């Protein structure tokens, strides 16, 4: 931060295990990657090459090198894993990770169905050589997963070796832990966090009101993902209470209450004058 302020939540320095921010790279050029790192690299923990973009992105090796040099961990999105797995090319996927020297990998089944015991075995094997993120939830809004099944899948995948489990939200923020209108599925999320440590979950939350909701529930150091490149600094401001949406989250209760009272009184005066 450029200034010291009281009542601003403490953020750990990278590499960190809580308060992670995952940026979704859907095809930045090398120059855009350099600009992104200059502006937001200090706020970014991991970068996901969204869906199958790694297959068609030019100068991929150079991009990966740029992220690594900036102390950012890049990885291929879970959809690319599923693309290989659906073709019976799991070993080829591992060779692809080795080719690009990626120590972070995602195992997901949001587009295809993988027997869960088999998925956990894949996580277990892969975690011996690299850090694994695993994703829970379907990309199909028509597939409803009960809270109990969410909890069981998350718990067993963490036991199998996942570093974090990703709660599906997609880039549109309208499936998984979100309702079709983008609002958080409060009942589901409360059931999950009653059994699974929130620090072990990375919530996909591409939309601002979703980010605000999670920050108000868990605080500044919640793990959030699928963040657009130009939303990294705005998100950090939300975490730190530097935007109106989270302005009162870290102020002392009595001070915050006085400010709100003053604001309410001024609003009443304005309505009276009108």
Protein backbone atom coordinates (compact mmCIF):
# COMPACT_ATOMS: atom_id res chain seq x y z
CA UNK A 1 0.00 0.00 0.00
CA UNK A 2 1.13 3.53 -0.73
CA UNK A 3 -0.22 4.91 2.58
CA UNK A 4 -0.54 3.62 6.11
CA UNK A 5 -4.11 3.59 7.38
CA UNK A 6 -5.67 2.27 10.58
CA UNK A 7 -8.49 -0.27 10.47
CA UNK A 8 -7.28 -1.89 7.25
CA UNK A 9 -7.16 -5.70 7.34
CA UNK A 10 -3.77 -7.38 7.29
CA UNK A 11 -2.93 -9.13 4.03
CA UNK A 12 -0.19 -11.74 3.98
CA UNK A 13 2.66 -11.42 1.52
CA UNK A 14 3.04 -13.92 -1.31
CA UNK A 15 3.38 -16.85 -1.32
CA UNK A 16 0.36 -17.20 0.91
CA UNK A 17 -2.13 -19.90 1.79
CA UNK A 18 -5.13 -17.70 2.54
CA UNK A 19 -6.57 -14.67 0.79
CA UNK A 20 -5.61 -16.08 -2.61
CA UNK A 21 -6.67 -14.32 -5.78
CA UNK A 22 -6.83 -16.29 -9.01
CA UNK A 23 -6.90 -14.32 -12.25
CA UNK A 24 -8.47 -15.89 -15.32
CA UNK A 25 -6.36 -15.35 -18.43
CA UNK A 26 -8.53 -15.85 -21.50
CA UNK A 27 -5.90 -14.89 -24.04
CA UNK A 28 -3.78 -11.92 -22.97
CA UNK A 29 -1.00 -11.04 -25.37
CA UNK A 30 2.60 -10.92 -24.17
CA UNK A 31 2.44 -7.15 -23.97
CA UNK A 32 -0.85 -7.28 -22.09
CA UNK A 33 0.67 -9.85 -19.75
CA UNK A 34 3.61 -7.56 -19.05
CA UNK A 35 1.22 -4.66 -18.41
CA UNK A 36 -0.93 -6.82 -16.15
CA UNK A 37 2.07 -7.90 -14.10
CA UNK A 38 3.27 -4.31 -13.77
CA UNK A 39 -0.15 -3.19 -12.53
CA UNK A 40 -1.49 -6.18 -10.60
CA UNK A 41 1.20 -8.85 -10.31
CA UNK A 42 1.76 -8.06 -6.63
CA UNK A 43 -1.90 -8.90 -5.94
CA UNK A 44 -2.05 -12.11 -7.98
CA UNK A 45 -1.31 -15.54 -6.55
CA UNK A 46 -2.28 -17.85 -9.39
CA UNK A 47 -3.29 -17.44 -13.03
CA UNK A 48 -5.57 -19.88 -14.80
CA UNK A 49 -5.38 -20.21 -18.56
CA UNK A 50 -9.14 -20.43 -19.01
CA UNK A 51 -10.79 -23.49 -20.60
CA UNK A 52 -8.79 -24.54 -23.71
CA UNK A 53 -7.00 -21.25 -24.37
CA UNK A 54 -3.58 -22.78 -23.70
CA UNK A 55 -3.97 -24.81 -26.91
CA UNK A 56 -4.31 -21.75 -29.14
CA UNK A 57 -2.39 -19.04 -27.27
CA UNK A 58 0.72 -17.89 -29.11
CA UNK A 59 4.05 -17.68 -27.27
CA UNK A 60 2.62 -19.69 -24.40
CA UNK A 61 6.02 -20.62 -23.05
CA UNK A 62 7.04 -16.95 -22.90
CA UNK A 63 3.82 -16.04 -21.08
CA UNK A 64 4.34 -18.75 -18.51
CA UNK A 65 7.88 -17.51 -17.94
CA UNK A 66 6.62 -13.96 -17.37
CA UNK A 67 4.16 -15.11 -14.73
CA UNK A 68 6.73 -17.25 -12.96
CA UNK A 69 9.26 -14.42 -12.90
CA UNK A 70 6.59 -12.30 -11.18
CA UNK A 71 6.07 -14.94 -8.46
CA UNK A 72 2.70 -15.93 -9.93
CA UNK A 73 1.80 -19.60 -10.36
CA UNK A 74 0.18 -20.29 -13.76
CA UNK A 75 -1.83 -23.40 -14.56
CA UNK A 76 -4.10 -24.85 -17.23
CA UNK A 77 -7.81 -24.70 -16.42
CA UNK A 78 -9.70 -27.85 -15.51
CA UNK A 79 -11.56 -27.92 -18.82
CA UNK A 80 -8.29 -28.63 -20.63
CA UNK A 81 -7.68 -31.56 -18.26
CA UNK A 82 -11.17 -32.85 -19.12
CA UNK A 83 -10.53 -32.40 -22.85
CA UNK A 84 -7.50 -34.68 -22.62
CA UNK A 85 -9.13 -37.12 -20.21
CA UNK A 86 -12.24 -37.55 -22.36
CA UNK A 87 -9.95 -38.64 -25.21
CA UNK A 88 -8.11 -41.18 -23.10
CA UNK A 89 -5.01 -38.95 -23.08
CA UNK A 90 -4.34 -38.50 -19.36
CA UNK A 91 -0.64 -39.36 -19.69
CA UNK A 92 -0.36 -36.90 -22.58
CA UNK A 93 -1.80 -34.21 -20.27
CA UNK A 94 0.88 -34.95 -17.70
CA UNK A 95 3.53 -34.71 -20.40
CA UNK A 96 2.07 -31.32 -21.39
CA UNK A 97 2.45 -30.10 -17.81
CA UNK A 98 6.05 -31.33 -17.78
CA UNK A 99 6.76 -29.67 -21.13
CA UNK A 100 5.77 -26.28 -19.74
CA UNK A 101 7.21 -26.99 -16.27
CA UNK A 102 3.93 -26.31 -14.47
CA UNK A 103 3.92 -27.31 -10.80
CA UNK A 104 0.23 -26.47 -10.38
CA UNK A 105 -2.57 -28.48 -12.01
CA UNK A 106 -6.34 -28.67 -11.87
CA UNK A 107 -8.47 -31.82 -11.85
CA UNK A 108 -12.15 -31.22 -12.57
CA UNK A 109 -15.25 -32.91 -13.90
CA UNK A 110 -17.52 -29.97 -14.60
CA UNK A 111 -18.14 -30.91 -18.24
CA UNK A 112 -17.79 -34.70 -18.11
CA UNK A 113 -18.70 -37.30 -15.51
CA UNK A 114 -15.81 -39.03 -13.74
CA UNK A 115 -16.45 -41.63 -11.07
CA UNK A 116 -15.58 -39.82 -7.84
CA UNK A 117 -13.34 -42.56 -6.49
CA UNK A 118 -11.48 -42.45 -9.79
CA UNK A 119 -11.20 -38.65 -9.57
CA UNK A 120 -9.78 -38.89 -6.06
CA UNK A 121 -7.25 -41.46 -7.25
CA UNK A 122 -6.18 -39.08 -10.03
CA UNK A 123 -5.78 -36.30 -7.46
CA UNK A 124 -3.77 -38.58 -5.19
CA UNK A 125 -1.40 -39.66 -7.97
CA UNK A 126 -0.95 -36.17 -9.38
CA UNK A 127 -0.34 -34.61 -5.96
CA UNK A 128 2.81 -36.69 -5.56
CA UNK A 129 4.59 -34.60 -8.20
CA UNK A 130 2.77 -31.26 -8.19
CA UNK A 131 0.28 -29.09 -6.34
CA UNK A 132 -3.31 -29.97 -7.23
CA UNK A 133 -6.42 -27.85 -7.34
CA UNK A 134 -9.64 -29.83 -7.76
CA UNK A 135 -12.99 -28.40 -8.74
CA UNK A 136 -16.39 -29.43 -7.41
CA UNK A 137 -19.67 -28.60 -9.15
CA UNK A 138 -21.11 -28.90 -12.62
CA UNK A 139 -21.05 -26.34 -15.42
CA UNK A 140 -24.53 -27.54 -16.37
CA UNK A 141 -27.15 -25.54 -14.47
CA UNK A 142 -29.56 -28.43 -14.91
CA UNK A 143 -27.45 -30.74 -12.74
CA UNK A 144 -28.37 -30.25 -9.08
CA UNK A 145 -25.89 -31.48 -6.46
CA UNK A 146 -27.12 -31.82 -2.89
CA UNK A 147 -25.26 -30.01 -0.09
CA UNK A 148 -24.32 -33.37 1.41
CA UNK A 149 -22.71 -34.46 -1.84
CA UNK A 150 -20.84 -31.13 -2.15
CA UNK A 151 -19.45 -31.66 1.34
CA UNK A 152 -18.49 -35.28 0.71
CA UNK A 153 -16.76 -34.50 -2.59
CA UNK A 154 -14.86 -31.52 -1.19
CA UNK A 155 -13.77 -33.42 1.92
CA UNK A 156 -12.60 -36.53 0.09
CA UNK A 157 -10.75 -34.51 -2.56
CA UNK A 158 -8.89 -32.60 0.13
CA UNK A 159 -8.05 -35.90 1.82
CA UNK A 160 -6.84 -37.25 -1.54
CA UNK A 161 -4.28 -34.44 -1.81
CA UNK A 162 -5.93 -31.30 -3.17
CA UNK A 163 -4.33 -28.07 -1.98
CA UNK A 164 -7.61 -26.22 -2.46
CA UNK A 165 -11.00 -27.27 -3.75
CA UNK A 166 -12.54 -24.85 -6.22
CA UNK A 167 -16.25 -24.16 -5.84
CA UNK A 168 -17.69 -24.01 -9.36
CA UNK A 169 -19.14 -20.69 -10.46
CA UNK A 170 -18.01 -20.49 -14.10
CA UNK A 171 -16.81 -17.27 -15.69
CA UNK A 172 -20.43 -16.04 -15.81
CA UNK A 173 -21.07 -16.65 -12.10
CA UNK A 174 -24.45 -18.33 -12.61
CA UNK A 175 -24.00 -22.02 -11.73
CA UNK A 176 -22.62 -24.11 -8.87
CA UNK A 177 -22.63 -22.03 -5.68
CA UNK A 178 -24.63 -19.33 -7.46
CA UNK A 179 -28.23 -19.20 -8.56
CA UNK A 180 -29.02 -18.49 -12.24
CA UNK A 181 -29.45 -14.78 -11.42
CA UNK A 182 -25.91 -14.62 -9.99
CA UNK A 183 -26.89 -14.42 -6.32
CA UNK A 184 -25.02 -16.62 -3.88
CA UNK A 185 -26.71 -19.91 -3.01
CA UNK A 186 -26.71 -19.01 0.69
CA UNK A 187 -28.22 -22.24 2.01
CA UNK A 188 -25.73 -24.39 0.09
CA UNK A 189 -22.71 -22.31 1.07
CA UNK A 190 -23.67 -22.27 4.76
CA UNK A 191 -24.06 -26.04 4.70
CA UNK A 192 -20.62 -26.44 3.06
CA UNK A 193 -18.72 -24.21 5.47
CA UNK A 194 -20.26 -25.95 8.46
CA UNK A 195 -18.25 -29.03 7.47
CA UNK A 196 -15.39 -27.82 5.25
CA UNK A 197 -12.77 -25.28 6.34
CA UNK A 198 -13.38 -22.14 4.21
CA UNK A 199 -9.60 -21.64 3.96
CA UNK A 200 -9.47 -24.85 1.93
CA UNK A 201 -11.97 -23.53 -0.62
CA UNK A 202 -11.34 -21.19 -3.55
CA UNK A 203 -14.65 -19.60 -4.55
CA UNK A 204 -15.10 -18.69 -8.21
CA UNK A 205 -16.63 -15.21 -8.01
CA UNK A 206 -16.27 -13.22 -11.23
CA UNK A 207 -18.95 -10.61 -10.44
CA UNK A 208 -18.47 -7.73 -8.00
CA UNK A 209 -21.57 -8.35 -5.89
CA UNK A 210 -20.43 -11.97 -5.44
CA UNK A 211 -16.99 -10.82 -4.31
CA UNK A 212 -18.60 -8.39 -1.86
CA UNK A 213 -20.83 -11.15 -0.48
CA UNK A 214 -17.89 -13.49 0.20
CA UNK A 215 -15.74 -10.72 1.71
CA UNK A 216 -18.55 -9.74 4.08
CA UNK A 217 -19.01 -13.38 5.08
CA UNK A 218 -15.37 -14.46 5.43
CA UNK A 219 -13.35 -11.25 5.62
CA UNK A 220 -10.55 -9.83 3.51
CA UNK A 221 -8.58 -13.08 3.30
CA UNK A 222 -11.14 -15.22 1.50
CA UNK A 223 -9.87 -17.17 -1.52
CA UNK A 224 -11.46 -15.86 -4.74
CA UNK A 225 -11.05 -16.88 -8.37
CA UNK A 226 -12.07 -16.29 -11.97
CA UNK A 227 -11.22 -12.62 -11.56
CA UNK A 228 -10.80 -10.61 -14.77
CA UNK A 229 -7.39 -8.96 -15.30
CA UNK A 230 -8.80 -5.44 -15.00
CA UNK A 231 -10.69 -6.34 -11.81
CA UNK A 232 -7.70 -7.30 -9.67
CA UNK A 233 -7.09 -3.86 -8.17
CA UNK A 234 -10.83 -3.17 -7.67
CA UNK A 235 -11.10 -6.52 -5.86
CA UNK A 236 -8.16 -5.72 -3.59
CA UNK A 237 -9.87 -2.44 -2.72
CA UNK A 238 -12.98 -4.41 -1.76
CA UNK A 239 -10.87 -6.67 0.44
CA UNK A 240 -9.32 -3.68 2.22
CA UNK A 241 -12.51 -1.64 2.67
CA UNK A 242 -11.41 0.97 0.16
CA UNK A 243 -14.73 0.92 -1.76
CA UNK A 244 -18.20 1.86 -0.67
CA UNK A 245 -19.42 -1.74 -0.81
CA UNK A 246 -17.13 -2.81 2.06
CA UNK A 247 -16.44 0.62 3.57
CA UNK A 248 -17.73 -0.24 7.05
CA UNK A 249 -16.45 -3.81 7.29
CA UNK A 250 -13.24 -3.06 9.22
CA UNK A 251 -14.09 0.12 11.09
CA UNK A 252 -14.68 -0.10 14.88
CA UNK A 253 -18.34 -0.90 15.52
CA UNK A 254 -19.13 2.31 17.44
CA UNK A 255 -17.40 4.50 14.82
CA UNK A 256 -19.12 2.75 11.95
CA UNK A 257 -22.49 3.11 13.69
CA UNK A 258 -21.94 6.86 14.20
CA UNK A 259 -21.05 7.31 10.54
CA UNK A 260 -24.11 5.40 9.42
CA UNK A 261 -26.27 7.45 11.74
CA UNK A 262 -24.88 10.69 10.30
CA UNK A 263 -25.48 9.41 6.77
CA UNK A 264 -29.06 8.46 7.63
CA UNK A 265 -29.73 11.88 9.18
CA UNK A 266 -28.36 13.64 6.10
CA UNK A 267 -30.52 11.51 3.81
CA UNK A 268 -33.62 12.42 5.89
CA UNK A 269 -32.73 16.13 5.65
CA UNK A 270 -32.32 15.90 1.88
CA UNK A 271 -35.69 14.17 1.52
CA UNK A 272 -37.29 16.85 3.74
CA UNK A 273 -35.80 19.64 1.63
CA UNK A 274 -37.13 18.00 -1.56
